[in-house]
């Protein structure tokens, strides 16, 4: 089962969902805003792709953080704690259930991963 983790009002998540729907990919959507994320799952993601890839430093949530909180993120543990408390700071979407953990939306990568329909 493919699970898409994201936030419904995120433009990147909307693009990814539209692409998946257009190509007939069946998935379950997990709303990070309302359902959160377990510490174990987040730790597994960090282990698979690294905290640097998961932490969205380009988004509004990061930019609105006080400087002392931004500078406090210096390793996997501090990044995980921040992502756990503010799930909006996780780069989206995150896709589980494929041959790899996918972070973000890249149409060419999706075509390679899910096949062209």
PDB file of N, CA and C in Angstrom:
ATOM      1  N   UNK A   1       0.833  -1.176   0.000  1.00  0.00           N
ATOM      2  CA  UNK A   1       0.000   0.000   0.000  1.00  0.00           C
ATOM      3  C   UNK A   1       0.879   1.242   0.000  1.00  0.00           C
ATOM      4  N   UNK A   2       0.608   2.128  -0.906  1.00  0.00           N
ATOM      5  CA  UNK A   2       1.330   3.383  -1.003  1.00  0.00           C
ATOM      6  C   UNK A   2       0.656   4.393  -0.076  1.00  0.00           C
ATOM      7  N   UNK A   3       1.458   5.031   0.755  1.00  0.00           N
ATOM      8  CA  UNK A   3       0.951   6.045   1.672  1.00  0.00           C
ATOM      9  C   UNK A   3       1.631   7.367   1.346  1.00  0.00           C
ATOM     10  N   UNK A   4       0.816   8.395   1.149  1.00  0.00           N
ATOM     11  CA  UNK A   4       1.309   9.739   0.875  1.00  0.00           C
ATOM     12  C   UNK A   4       1.127  10.553   2.153  1.00  0.00           C
ATOM     13  N   UNK A   5       2.221  11.058   2.698  1.00  0.00           N
ATOM     14  CA  UNK A   5       2.180  11.909   3.880  1.00  0.00           C
ATOM     15  C   UNK A   5       2.312  13.352   3.423  1.00  0.00           C
ATOM     16  N   UNK A   6       1.392  14.183   3.874  1.00  0.00           N
ATOM     17  CA  UNK A   6       1.457  15.574   3.471  1.00  0.00           C
ATOM     18  C   UNK A   6       0.383  16.406   4.132  1.00  0.00           C
ATOM     19  N   UNK A   7       0.204  17.596   3.610  1.00  0.00           N
ATOM     20  CA  UNK A   7      -0.797  18.535   4.085  1.00  0.00           C
ATOM     21  C   UNK A   7      -1.627  18.930   2.863  1.00  0.00           C
ATOM     22  N   UNK A   8      -2.948  18.800   2.940  1.00  0.00           N
ATOM     23  CA  UNK A   8      -3.791  19.000   1.761  1.00  0.00           C
ATOM     24  C   UNK A   8      -3.646  20.358   1.076  1.00  0.00           C
ATOM     25  N   UNK A   9      -3.364  21.423   1.816  1.00  0.00           N
ATOM     26  CA  UNK A   9      -3.291  22.743   1.186  1.00  0.00           C
ATOM     27  C   UNK A   9      -1.898  23.090   0.667  1.00  0.00           C
ATOM     28  N   UNK A  10      -0.964  22.142   0.718  1.00  0.00           N
ATOM     29  CA  UNK A  10       0.389  22.352   0.196  1.00  0.00           C
ATOM     30  C   UNK A  10       0.376  22.196  -1.327  1.00  0.00           C
ATOM     31  N   UNK A  11       0.900  23.179  -2.039  1.00  0.00           N
ATOM     32  CA  UNK A  11       0.909  23.136  -3.505  1.00  0.00           C
ATOM     33  C   UNK A  11       1.658  21.924  -4.044  1.00  0.00           C
ATOM     34  N   UNK A  12       2.787  21.582  -3.436  1.00  0.00           N
ATOM     35  CA  UNK A  12       3.572  20.445  -3.907  1.00  0.00           C
ATOM     36  C   UNK A  12       2.813  19.140  -3.700  1.00  0.00           C
ATOM     37  N   UNK A  13       2.136  19.021  -2.580  1.00  0.00           N
ATOM     38  CA  UNK A  13       1.321  17.832  -2.321  1.00  0.00           C
ATOM     39  C   UNK A  13       0.190  17.759  -3.343  1.00  0.00           C
ATOM     40  N   UNK A  14      -0.443  18.879  -3.621  1.00  0.00           N
ATOM     41  CA  UNK A  14      -1.525  18.895  -4.622  1.00  0.00           C
ATOM     42  C   UNK A  14      -1.024  18.435  -5.998  1.00  0.00           C
ATOM     43  N   UNK A  15       0.168  18.899  -6.381  1.00  0.00           N
ATOM     44  CA  UNK A  15       0.746  18.485  -7.670  1.00  0.00           C
ATOM     45  C   UNK A  15       0.996  16.979  -7.681  1.00  0.00           C
ATOM     46  N   UNK A  16       1.550  16.470  -6.597  1.00  0.00           N
ATOM     47  CA  UNK A  16       1.851  15.038  -6.509  1.00  0.00           C
ATOM     48  C   UNK A  16       0.569  14.215  -6.564  1.00  0.00           C
ATOM     49  N   UNK A  17      -0.441  14.619  -5.797  1.00  0.00           N
ATOM     50  CA  UNK A  17      -1.713  13.882  -5.790  1.00  0.00           C
ATOM     51  C   UNK A  17      -2.379  13.930  -7.157  1.00  0.00           C
ATOM     52  N   UNK A  18      -2.339  15.076  -7.809  1.00  0.00           N
ATOM     53  CA  UNK A  18      -2.920  15.196  -9.149  1.00  0.00           C
ATOM     54  C   UNK A  18      -2.215  14.254 -10.120  1.00  0.00           C
ATOM     55  N   UNK A  19      -0.873  14.205 -10.035  1.00  0.00           N
ATOM     56  CA  UNK A  19      -0.115  13.328 -10.920  1.00  0.00           C
ATOM     57  C   UNK A  19      -0.488  11.878 -10.654  1.00  0.00           C
ATOM     58  N   UNK A  20      -0.523  11.479  -9.383  1.00  0.00           N
ATOM     59  CA  UNK A  20      -0.863  10.096  -9.031  1.00  0.00           C
ATOM     60  C   UNK A  20      -2.273   9.742  -9.490  1.00  0.00           C
ATOM     61  N   UNK A  21      -3.214  10.634  -9.277  1.00  0.00           N
ATOM     62  CA  UNK A  21      -4.597  10.388  -9.716  1.00  0.00           C
ATOM     63  C   UNK A  21      -4.677  10.265 -11.235  1.00  0.00           C
ATOM     64  N   UNK A  22      -3.995  11.153 -11.924  1.00  0.00           N
ATOM     65  CA  UNK A  22      -3.995  11.139 -13.396  1.00  0.00           C
ATOM     66  C   UNK A  22      -3.407   9.843 -13.948  1.00  0.00           C
ATOM     67  N   UNK A  23      -2.471   9.247 -13.216  1.00  0.00           N
ATOM     68  CA  UNK A  23      -1.811   8.035 -13.672  1.00  0.00           C
ATOM     69  C   UNK A  23      -2.367   6.770 -13.022  1.00  0.00           C
ATOM     70  N   UNK A  24      -3.497   6.902 -12.330  1.00  0.00           N
ATOM     71  CA  UNK A  24      -4.185   5.734 -11.780  1.00  0.00           C
ATOM     72  C   UNK A  24      -3.459   5.027 -10.660  1.00  0.00           C
ATOM     73  N   UNK A  25      -2.637   5.751  -9.907  1.00  0.00           N
ATOM     74  CA  UNK A  25      -1.905   5.148  -8.787  1.00  0.00           C
ATOM     75  C   UNK A  25      -2.804   5.190  -7.549  1.00  0.00           C
ATOM     76  N   UNK A  26      -3.032   4.038  -6.949  1.00  0.00           N
ATOM     77  CA  UNK A  26      -3.853   3.942  -5.747  1.00  0.00           C
ATOM     78  C   UNK A  26      -2.987   4.236  -4.529  1.00  0.00           C
ATOM     79  N   UNK A  27      -3.515   5.030  -3.615  1.00  0.00           N
ATOM     80  CA  UNK A  27      -2.749   5.419  -2.432  1.00  0.00           C
ATOM     81  C   UNK A  27      -3.693   5.759  -1.284  1.00  0.00           C
ATOM     82  N   UNK A  28      -3.106   5.836  -0.105  1.00  0.00           N
ATOM     83  CA  UNK A  28      -3.813   6.340   1.071  1.00  0.00           C
ATOM     84  C   UNK A  28      -3.135   7.653   1.437  1.00  0.00           C
ATOM     85  N   UNK A  29      -3.932   8.691   1.732  1.00  0.00           N
ATOM     86  CA  UNK A  29      -3.368   9.983   2.113  1.00  0.00           C
ATOM     87  C   UNK A  29      -3.370  10.115   3.626  1.00  0.00           C
ATOM     88  N   UNK A  30      -2.208  10.455   4.189  1.00  0.00           N
ATOM     89  CA  UNK A  30      -2.045  10.670   5.626  1.00  0.00           C
ATOM     90  C   UNK A  30      -1.790  12.149   5.852  1.00  0.00           C
ATOM     91  N   UNK A  31      -2.743  12.827   6.500  1.00  0.00           N
ATOM     92  CA  UNK A  31      -2.640  14.263   6.738  1.00  0.00           C
ATOM     93  C   UNK A  31      -1.749  14.516   7.956  1.00  0.00           C
ATOM     94  N   UNK A  32      -0.567  15.043   7.711  1.00  0.00           N
ATOM     95  CA  UNK A  32       0.382  15.303   8.790  1.00  0.00           C
ATOM     96  C   UNK A  32      -0.153  16.328   9.786  1.00  0.00           C
ATOM     97  N   UNK A  33      -0.957  17.261   9.304  1.00  0.00           N
ATOM     98  CA  UNK A  33      -1.485  18.320  10.160  1.00  0.00           C
ATOM     99  C   UNK A  33      -2.463  17.758  11.190  1.00  0.00           C
ATOM    100  N   UNK A  34      -3.347  16.872  10.764  1.00  0.00           N
ATOM    101  CA  UNK A  34      -4.377  16.361  11.668  1.00  0.00           C
ATOM    102  C   UNK A  34      -4.018  15.020  12.307  1.00  0.00           C
ATOM    103  N   UNK A  35      -3.212  14.214  11.619  1.00  0.00           N
ATOM    104  CA  UNK A  35      -2.878  12.881  12.128  1.00  0.00           C
ATOM    105  C   UNK A  35      -1.491  12.807  12.764  1.00  0.00           C
ATOM    106  N   UNK A  36      -0.650  13.803  12.508  1.00  0.00           N
ATOM    107  CA  UNK A  36       0.695  13.805  13.072  1.00  0.00           C
ATOM    108  C   UNK A  36       1.572  12.704  12.490  1.00  0.00           C
ATOM    109  N   UNK A  37       2.665  12.458  13.155  1.00  0.00           N
ATOM    110  CA  UNK A  37       3.622  11.434  12.724  1.00  0.00           C
ATOM    111  C   UNK A  37       4.259  10.831  13.973  1.00  0.00           C
ATOM    112  N   UNK A  38       4.412   9.530  13.982  1.00  0.00           N
ATOM    113  CA  UNK A  38       5.012   8.882  15.156  1.00  0.00           C
ATOM    114  C   UNK A  38       6.519   9.126  15.169  1.00  0.00           C
ATOM    115  N   UNK A  39       7.069   9.117  16.359  1.00  0.00           N
ATOM    116  CA  UNK A  39       8.517   9.298  16.514  1.00  0.00           C
ATOM    117  C   UNK A  39       9.275   8.178  15.804  1.00  0.00           C
ATOM    118  N   UNK A  40       8.739   6.960  15.867  1.00  0.00           N
ATOM    119  CA  UNK A  40       9.397   5.815  15.230  1.00  0.00           C
ATOM    120  C   UNK A  40       9.431   5.965  13.710  1.00  0.00           C
ATOM    121  N   UNK A  41       8.324   6.399  13.139  1.00  0.00           N
ATOM    122  CA  UNK A  41       8.278   6.566  11.677  1.00  0.00           C
ATOM    123  C   UNK A  41       9.225   7.679  11.250  1.00  0.00           C
ATOM    124  N   UNK A  42       9.201   8.789  11.951  1.00  0.00           N
ATOM    125  CA  UNK A  42      10.077   9.909  11.619  1.00  0.00           C
ATOM    126  C   UNK A  42      11.544   9.505  11.747  1.00  0.00           C
ATOM    127  N   UNK A  43      11.860   8.749  12.772  1.00  0.00           N
ATOM    128  CA  UNK A  43      13.231   8.260  12.951  1.00  0.00           C
ATOM    129  C   UNK A  43      13.640   7.344  11.796  1.00  0.00           C
ATOM    130  N   UNK A  44      12.725   6.504  11.352  1.00  0.00           N
ATOM    131  CA  UNK A  44      13.011   5.613  10.215  1.00  0.00           C
ATOM    132  C   UNK A  44      13.254   6.424   8.947  1.00  0.00           C
ATOM    133  N   UNK A  45      12.454   7.453   8.719  1.00  0.00           N
ATOM    134  CA  UNK A  45      12.654   8.312   7.549  1.00  0.00           C
ATOM    135  C   UNK A  45      14.024   8.969   7.598  1.00  0.00           C
ATOM    136  N   UNK A  46      14.377   9.493   8.760  1.00  0.00           N
ATOM    137  CA  UNK A  46      15.677  10.157   8.911  1.00  0.00           C
ATOM    138  C   UNK A  46      16.801   9.170   8.610  1.00  0.00           C
ATOM    139  N   UNK A  47      16.642   7.948   9.078  1.00  0.00           N
ATOM    140  CA  UNK A  47      17.645   6.915   8.829  1.00  0.00           C
ATOM    141  C   UNK A  47      17.748   6.614   7.325  1.00  0.00           C
ATOM    142  N   UNK A  48      16.613   6.628   6.619  1.00  0.00           N
ATOM    143  CA  UNK A  48      16.603   6.288   5.195  1.00  0.00           C
ATOM    144  C   UNK A  48      17.123   7.401   4.296  1.00  0.00           C
ATOM    145  N   UNK A  49      16.718   8.641   4.557  1.00  0.00           N
ATOM    146  CA  UNK A  49      17.068   9.718   3.617  1.00  0.00           C
ATOM    147  C   UNK A  49      17.868  10.855   4.236  1.00  0.00           C
ATOM    148  N   UNK A  50      18.022  10.846   5.561  1.00  0.00           N
ATOM    149  CA  UNK A  50      18.751  11.917   6.230  1.00  0.00           C
ATOM    150  C   UNK A  50      17.850  13.066   6.646  1.00  0.00           C
ATOM    151  N   UNK A  51      18.155  13.648   7.783  1.00  0.00           N
ATOM    152  CA  UNK A  51      17.320  14.746   8.292  1.00  0.00           C
ATOM    153  C   UNK A  51      17.404  15.982   7.419  1.00  0.00           C
ATOM    154  N   UNK A  52      18.536  16.171   6.762  1.00  0.00           N
ATOM    155  CA  UNK A  52      18.713  17.349   5.914  1.00  0.00           C
ATOM    156  C   UNK A  52      17.728  17.360   4.749  1.00  0.00           C
ATOM    157  N   UNK A  53      17.418  16.187   4.226  1.00  0.00           N
ATOM    158  CA  UNK A  53      16.468  16.099   3.112  1.00  0.00           C
ATOM    159  C   UNK A  53      15.027  16.274   3.588  1.00  0.00           C
ATOM    160  N   UNK A  54      14.739  15.821   4.788  1.00  0.00           N
ATOM    161  CA  UNK A  54      13.375  15.903   5.322  1.00  0.00           C
ATOM    162  C   UNK A  54      13.015  17.274   5.873  1.00  0.00           C
ATOM    163  N   UNK A  55      13.980  17.998   6.373  1.00  0.00           N
ATOM    164  CA  UNK A  55      13.719  19.296   6.987  1.00  0.00           C
ATOM    165  C   UNK A  55      13.601  20.358   5.898  1.00  0.00           C
ATOM    166  N   UNK A  56      12.424  20.956   5.789  1.00  0.00           N
ATOM    167  CA  UNK A  56      12.166  21.936   4.741  1.00  0.00           C
ATOM    168  C   UNK A  56      12.574  23.329   5.217  1.00  0.00           C
ATOM    169  N   UNK A  57      13.772  23.735   4.836  1.00  0.00           N
ATOM    170  CA  UNK A  57      14.270  25.048   5.229  1.00  0.00           C
ATOM    171  C   UNK A  57      13.856  26.148   4.253  1.00  0.00           C
ATOM    172  N   UNK A  58      13.103  25.789   3.222  1.00  0.00           N
ATOM    173  CA  UNK A  58      12.663  26.783   2.244  1.00  0.00           C
ATOM    174  C   UNK A  58      11.220  27.234   2.488  1.00  0.00           C
ATOM    175  N   UNK A  59      10.527  26.554   3.382  1.00  0.00           N
ATOM    176  CA  UNK A  59       9.115  26.836   3.598  1.00  0.00           C
ATOM    177  C   UNK A  59       8.840  27.934   4.607  1.00  0.00           C
ATOM    178  N   UNK A  60       7.585  28.323   4.646  1.00  0.00           N
ATOM    179  CA  UNK A  60       7.126  29.379   5.545  1.00  0.00           C
ATOM    180  C   UNK A  60       7.343  29.020   7.006  1.00  0.00           C
ATOM    181  N   UNK A  61       7.105  27.772   7.376  1.00  0.00           N
ATOM    182  CA  UNK A  61       7.248  27.375   8.779  1.00  0.00           C
ATOM    183  C   UNK A  61       8.667  27.627   9.265  1.00  0.00           C
ATOM    184  N   UNK A  62       9.656  27.247   8.463  1.00  0.00           N
ATOM    185  CA  UNK A  62      11.055  27.467   8.833  1.00  0.00           C
ATOM    186  C   UNK A  62      11.356  28.958   8.917  1.00  0.00           C
ATOM    187  N   UNK A  63      10.920  29.702   7.925  1.00  0.00           N
ATOM    188  CA  UNK A  63      11.216  31.140   7.892  1.00  0.00           C
ATOM    189  C   UNK A  63      10.596  31.884   9.074  1.00  0.00           C
ATOM    190  N   UNK A  64       9.482  31.381   9.582  1.00  0.00           N
ATOM    191  CA  UNK A  64       8.809  32.032  10.712  1.00  0.00           C
ATOM    192  C   UNK A  64       9.399  31.633  12.071  1.00  0.00           C
ATOM    193  N   UNK A  65      10.272  30.631  12.087  1.00  0.00           N
ATOM    194  CA  UNK A  65      10.887  30.212  13.346  1.00  0.00           C
ATOM    195  C   UNK A  65      11.839  31.280  13.856  1.00  0.00           C
ATOM    196  N   UNK A  66      11.877  31.469  15.161  1.00  0.00           N
ATOM    197  CA  UNK A  66      12.890  32.376  15.713  1.00  0.00           C
ATOM    198  C   UNK A  66      14.295  31.851  15.389  1.00  0.00           C
ATOM    199  N   UNK A  67      15.233  32.768  15.235  1.00  0.00           N
ATOM    200  CA  UNK A  67      16.606  32.403  14.857  1.00  0.00           C
ATOM    201  C   UNK A  67      17.221  31.398  15.819  1.00  0.00           C
ATOM    202  N   UNK A  68      16.940  31.527  17.109  1.00  0.00           N
ATOM    203  CA  UNK A  68      17.548  30.602  18.064  1.00  0.00           C
ATOM    204  C   UNK A  68      17.047  29.170  17.863  1.00  0.00           C
ATOM    205  N   UNK A  69      15.814  28.993  17.389  1.00  0.00           N
ATOM    206  CA  UNK A  69      15.315  27.644  17.101  1.00  0.00           C
ATOM    207  C   UNK A  69      15.933  27.108  15.813  1.00  0.00           C
ATOM    208  N   UNK A  70      16.123  27.963  14.824  1.00  0.00           N
ATOM    209  CA  UNK A  70      16.764  27.533  13.582  1.00  0.00           C
ATOM    210  C   UNK A  70      18.199  27.078  13.849  1.00  0.00           C
ATOM    211  N   UNK A  71      18.942  27.849  14.608  1.00  0.00           N
ATOM    212  CA  UNK A  71      20.339  27.499  14.860  1.00  0.00           C
ATOM    213  C   UNK A  71      20.467  26.298  15.793  1.00  0.00           C
ATOM    214  N   UNK A  72      19.421  25.999  16.539  1.00  0.00           N
ATOM    215  CA  UNK A  72      19.459  24.840  17.440  1.00  0.00           C
ATOM    216  C   UNK A  72      19.383  23.523  16.675  1.00  0.00           C
ATOM    217  N   UNK A  73      18.962  23.564  15.411  1.00  0.00           N
ATOM    218  CA  UNK A  73      18.878  22.348  14.595  1.00  0.00           C
ATOM    219  C   UNK A  73      20.255  22.089  13.997  1.00  0.00           C
ATOM    220  N   UNK A  74      20.946  21.108  14.593  1.00  0.00           N
ATOM    221  CA  UNK A  74      22.320  20.858  14.172  1.00  0.00           C
ATOM    222  C   UNK A  74      22.619  19.384  13.927  1.00  0.00           C
ATOM    223  N   UNK A  75      21.657  18.517  14.234  1.00  0.00           N
ATOM    224  CA  UNK A  75      21.873  17.090  14.032  1.00  0.00           C
ATOM    225  C   UNK A  75      20.525  16.387  13.908  1.00  0.00           C
ATOM    226  N   UNK A  76      20.567  15.081  13.725  1.00  0.00           N
ATOM    227  CA  UNK A  76      19.337  14.306  13.513  1.00  0.00           C
ATOM    228  C   UNK A  76      18.375  14.416  14.689  1.00  0.00           C
ATOM    229  N   UNK A  77      18.896  14.369  15.907  1.00  0.00           N
ATOM    230  CA  UNK A  77      18.031  14.410  17.090  1.00  0.00           C
ATOM    231  C   UNK A  77      17.302  15.749  17.207  1.00  0.00           C
ATOM    232  N   UNK A  78      18.014  16.850  17.011  1.00  0.00           N
ATOM    233  CA  UNK A  78      17.377  18.162  17.124  1.00  0.00           C
ATOM    234  C   UNK A  78      16.406  18.401  15.965  1.00  0.00           C
ATOM    235  N   UNK A  79      16.757  17.917  14.782  1.00  0.00           N
ATOM    236  CA  UNK A  79      15.853  18.039  13.636  1.00  0.00           C
ATOM    237  C   UNK A  79      14.592  17.219  13.857  1.00  0.00           C
ATOM    238  N   UNK A  80      14.751  16.002  14.383  1.00  0.00           N
ATOM    239  CA  UNK A  80      13.593  15.151  14.636  1.00  0.00           C
ATOM    240  C   UNK A  80      12.663  15.790  15.667  1.00  0.00           C
ATOM    241  N   UNK A  81      13.223  16.340  16.713  1.00  0.00           N
ATOM    242  CA  UNK A  81      12.408  16.983  17.743  1.00  0.00           C
ATOM    243  C   UNK A  81      11.591  18.131  17.146  1.00  0.00           C
ATOM    244  N   UNK A  82      12.212  18.930  16.295  1.00  0.00           N
ATOM    245  CA  UNK A  82      11.504  20.043  15.657  1.00  0.00           C
ATOM    246  C   UNK A  82      10.423  19.531  14.709  1.00  0.00           C
ATOM    247  N   UNK A  83      10.760  18.538  13.876  1.00  0.00           N
ATOM    248  CA  UNK A  83       9.780  17.996  12.935  1.00  0.00           C
ATOM    249  C   UNK A  83       8.617  17.323  13.663  1.00  0.00           C
ATOM    250  N   UNK A  84       8.905  16.712  14.804  1.00  0.00           N
ATOM    251  CA  UNK A  84       7.867  16.058  15.589  1.00  0.00           C
ATOM    252  C   UNK A  84       6.896  17.095  16.149  1.00  0.00           C
ATOM    253  N   UNK A  85       7.426  18.212  16.595  1.00  0.00           N
ATOM    254  CA  UNK A  85       6.570  19.233  17.209  1.00  0.00           C
ATOM    255  C   UNK A  85       5.892  20.127  16.175  1.00  0.00           C
ATOM    256  N   UNK A  86       6.511  20.266  14.996  1.00  0.00           N
ATOM    257  CA  UNK A  86       5.940  21.113  13.946  1.00  0.00           C
ATOM    258  C   UNK A  86       5.989  20.349  12.621  1.00  0.00           C
ATOM    259  N   UNK A  87       4.988  19.518  12.409  1.00  0.00           N
ATOM    260  CA  UNK A  87       4.987  18.648  11.231  1.00  0.00           C
ATOM    261  C   UNK A  87       4.970  19.418   9.913  1.00  0.00           C
ATOM    262  N   UNK A  88       4.567  20.674   9.946  1.00  0.00           N
ATOM    263  CA  UNK A  88       4.559  21.479   8.717  1.00  0.00           C
ATOM    264  C   UNK A  88       5.955  21.750   8.196  1.00  0.00           C
ATOM    265  N   UNK A  89       6.962  21.487   9.006  1.00  0.00           N
ATOM    266  CA  UNK A  89       8.343  21.749   8.595  1.00  0.00           C
ATOM    267  C   UNK A  89       8.956  20.547   7.867  1.00  0.00           C
ATOM    268  N   UNK A  90       8.196  19.449   7.774  1.00  0.00           N
ATOM    269  CA  UNK A  90       8.656  18.271   7.029  1.00  0.00           C
ATOM    270  C   UNK A  90       8.435  18.534   5.542  1.00  0.00           C
ATOM    271  N   UNK A  91       9.459  18.302   4.746  1.00  0.00           N
ATOM    272  CA  UNK A  91       9.324  18.470   3.292  1.00  0.00           C
ATOM    273  C   UNK A  91       8.281  17.495   2.794  1.00  0.00           C
ATOM    274  N   UNK A  92       7.438  17.954   1.896  1.00  0.00           N
ATOM    275  CA  UNK A  92       6.296  17.154   1.449  1.00  0.00           C
ATOM    276  C   UNK A  92       6.249  17.049  -0.065  1.00  0.00           C
ATOM    277  N   UNK A  93       5.549  16.018  -0.533  1.00  0.00           N
ATOM    278  CA  UNK A  93       5.037  14.869   0.205  1.00  0.00           C
ATOM    279  C   UNK A  93       6.142  13.864   0.498  1.00  0.00           C
ATOM    280  N   UNK A  94       5.852  12.980   1.442  1.00  0.00           N
ATOM    281  CA  UNK A  94       6.704  11.827   1.707  1.00  0.00           C
ATOM    282  C   UNK A  94       5.884  10.615   1.303  1.00  0.00           C
ATOM    283  N   UNK A  95       6.471   9.743   0.491  1.00  0.00           N
ATOM    284  CA  UNK A  95       5.755   8.567  -0.009  1.00  0.00           C
ATOM    285  C   UNK A  95       6.440   7.300   0.473  1.00  0.00           C
ATOM    286  N   UNK A  96       5.654   6.461   1.134  1.00  0.00           N
ATOM    287  CA  UNK A  96       6.101   5.124   1.563  1.00  0.00           C
ATOM    288  C   UNK A  96       5.377   4.089   0.713  1.00  0.00           C
ATOM    289  N   UNK A  97       5.963   2.902   0.639  1.00  0.00           N
ATOM    290  CA  UNK A  97       5.312   1.793  -0.037  1.00  0.00           C
ATOM    291  C   UNK A  97       5.827   1.542  -1.439  1.00  0.00           C
ATOM    292  N   UNK A  98       6.872   2.250  -1.827  1.00  0.00           N
ATOM    293  CA  UNK A  98       7.512   2.007  -3.112  1.00  0.00           C
ATOM    294  C   UNK A  98       8.891   1.406  -2.822  1.00  0.00           C
ATOM    295  N   UNK A  99       9.694   1.255  -3.837  1.00  0.00           N
ATOM    296  CA  UNK A  99      11.026   0.663  -3.649  1.00  0.00           C
ATOM    297  C   UNK A  99      11.960   1.565  -2.846  1.00  0.00           C
ATOM    298  N   UNK A 100      11.548   2.812  -2.610  1.00  0.00           N
ATOM    299  CA  UNK A 100      12.353   3.765  -1.865  1.00  0.00           C
ATOM    300  C   UNK A 100      11.432   4.757  -1.172  1.00  0.00           C
ATOM    301  N   UNK A 101      11.950   5.442  -0.191  1.00  0.00           N
ATOM    302  CA  UNK A 101      11.207   6.523   0.438  1.00  0.00           C
ATOM    303  C   UNK A 101      11.367   7.746  -0.448  1.00  0.00           C
ATOM    304  N   UNK A 102      10.255   8.307  -0.895  1.00  0.00           N
ATOM    305  CA  UNK A 102      10.282   9.441  -1.813  1.00  0.00           C
ATOM    306  C   UNK A 102       9.922  10.708  -1.047  1.00  0.00           C
ATOM    307  N   UNK A 103      10.741  11.745  -1.193  1.00  0.00           N
ATOM    308  CA  UNK A 103      10.490  13.022  -0.542  1.00  0.00           C
ATOM    309  C   UNK A 103      10.398  14.095  -1.615  1.00  0.00           C
ATOM    310  N   UNK A 104       9.264  14.799  -1.642  1.00  0.00           N
ATOM    311  CA  UNK A 104       9.063  15.861  -2.620  1.00  0.00           C
ATOM    312  C   UNK A 104       8.386  15.352  -3.882  1.00  0.00           C
ATOM    313  N   UNK A 105       8.227  16.256  -4.839  1.00  0.00           N
ATOM    314  CA  UNK A 105       7.603  15.899  -6.109  1.00  0.00           C
ATOM    315  C   UNK A 105       8.542  16.236  -7.253  1.00  0.00           C
ATOM    316  N   UNK A 106       8.815  15.221  -8.054  1.00  0.00           N
ATOM    317  CA  UNK A 106       9.598  15.374  -9.272  1.00  0.00           C
ATOM    318  C   UNK A 106       8.934  14.474 -10.305  1.00  0.00           C
ATOM    319  N   UNK A 107       8.327  15.083 -11.307  1.00  0.00           N
ATOM    320  CA  UNK A 107       7.537  14.328 -12.277  1.00  0.00           C
ATOM    321  C   UNK A 107       8.336  13.207 -12.940  1.00  0.00           C
ATOM    322  N   UNK A 108       9.561  13.476 -13.342  1.00  0.00           N
ATOM    323  CA  UNK A 108      10.384  12.443 -13.986  1.00  0.00           C
ATOM    324  C   UNK A 108      10.646  11.283 -13.030  1.00  0.00           C
ATOM    325  N   UNK A 109      10.903  11.595 -11.780  1.00  0.00           N
ATOM    326  CA  UNK A 109      11.146  10.549 -10.791  1.00  0.00           C
ATOM    327  C   UNK A 109       9.875   9.723 -10.581  1.00  0.00           C
ATOM    328  N   UNK A 110       8.725  10.372 -10.517  1.00  0.00           N
ATOM    329  CA  UNK A 110       7.458   9.662 -10.359  1.00  0.00           C
ATOM    330  C   UNK A 110       7.213   8.737 -11.557  1.00  0.00           C
ATOM    331  N   UNK A 111       7.510   9.220 -12.765  1.00  0.00           N
ATOM    332  CA  UNK A 111       7.326   8.391 -13.954  1.00  0.00           C
ATOM    333  C   UNK A 111       8.203   7.149 -13.888  1.00  0.00           C
ATOM    334  N   UNK A 112       9.445   7.299 -13.463  1.00  0.00           N
ATOM    335  CA  UNK A 112      10.343   6.160 -13.325  1.00  0.00           C
ATOM    336  C   UNK A 112       9.872   5.194 -12.245  1.00  0.00           C
ATOM    337  N   UNK A 113       9.369   5.735 -11.152  1.00  0.00           N
ATOM    338  CA  UNK A 113       8.974   4.935 -10.007  1.00  0.00           C
ATOM    339  C   UNK A 113       7.646   4.220 -10.216  1.00  0.00           C
ATOM    340  N   UNK A 114       6.663   4.942 -10.744  1.00  0.00           N
ATOM    341  CA  UNK A 114       5.317   4.399 -10.863  1.00  0.00           C
ATOM    342  C   UNK A 114       4.956   3.928 -12.269  1.00  0.00           C
ATOM    343  N   UNK A 115       5.802   4.228 -13.243  1.00  0.00           N
ATOM    344  CA  UNK A 115       5.523   3.836 -14.625  1.00  0.00           C
ATOM    345  C   UNK A 115       4.563   4.797 -15.292  1.00  0.00           C
ATOM    346  N   UNK A 116       4.648   4.889 -16.578  1.00  0.00           N
ATOM    347  CA  UNK A 116       3.784   5.786 -17.353  1.00  0.00           C
ATOM    348  C   UNK A 116       2.514   5.046 -17.709  1.00  0.00           C
ATOM    349  N   UNK A 117       1.397   5.697 -17.531  1.00  0.00           N
ATOM    350  CA  UNK A 117       0.101   5.105 -17.923  1.00  0.00           C
ATOM    351  C   UNK A 117      -0.514   5.918 -19.032  1.00  0.00           C
TER     352      UNK A 117
END
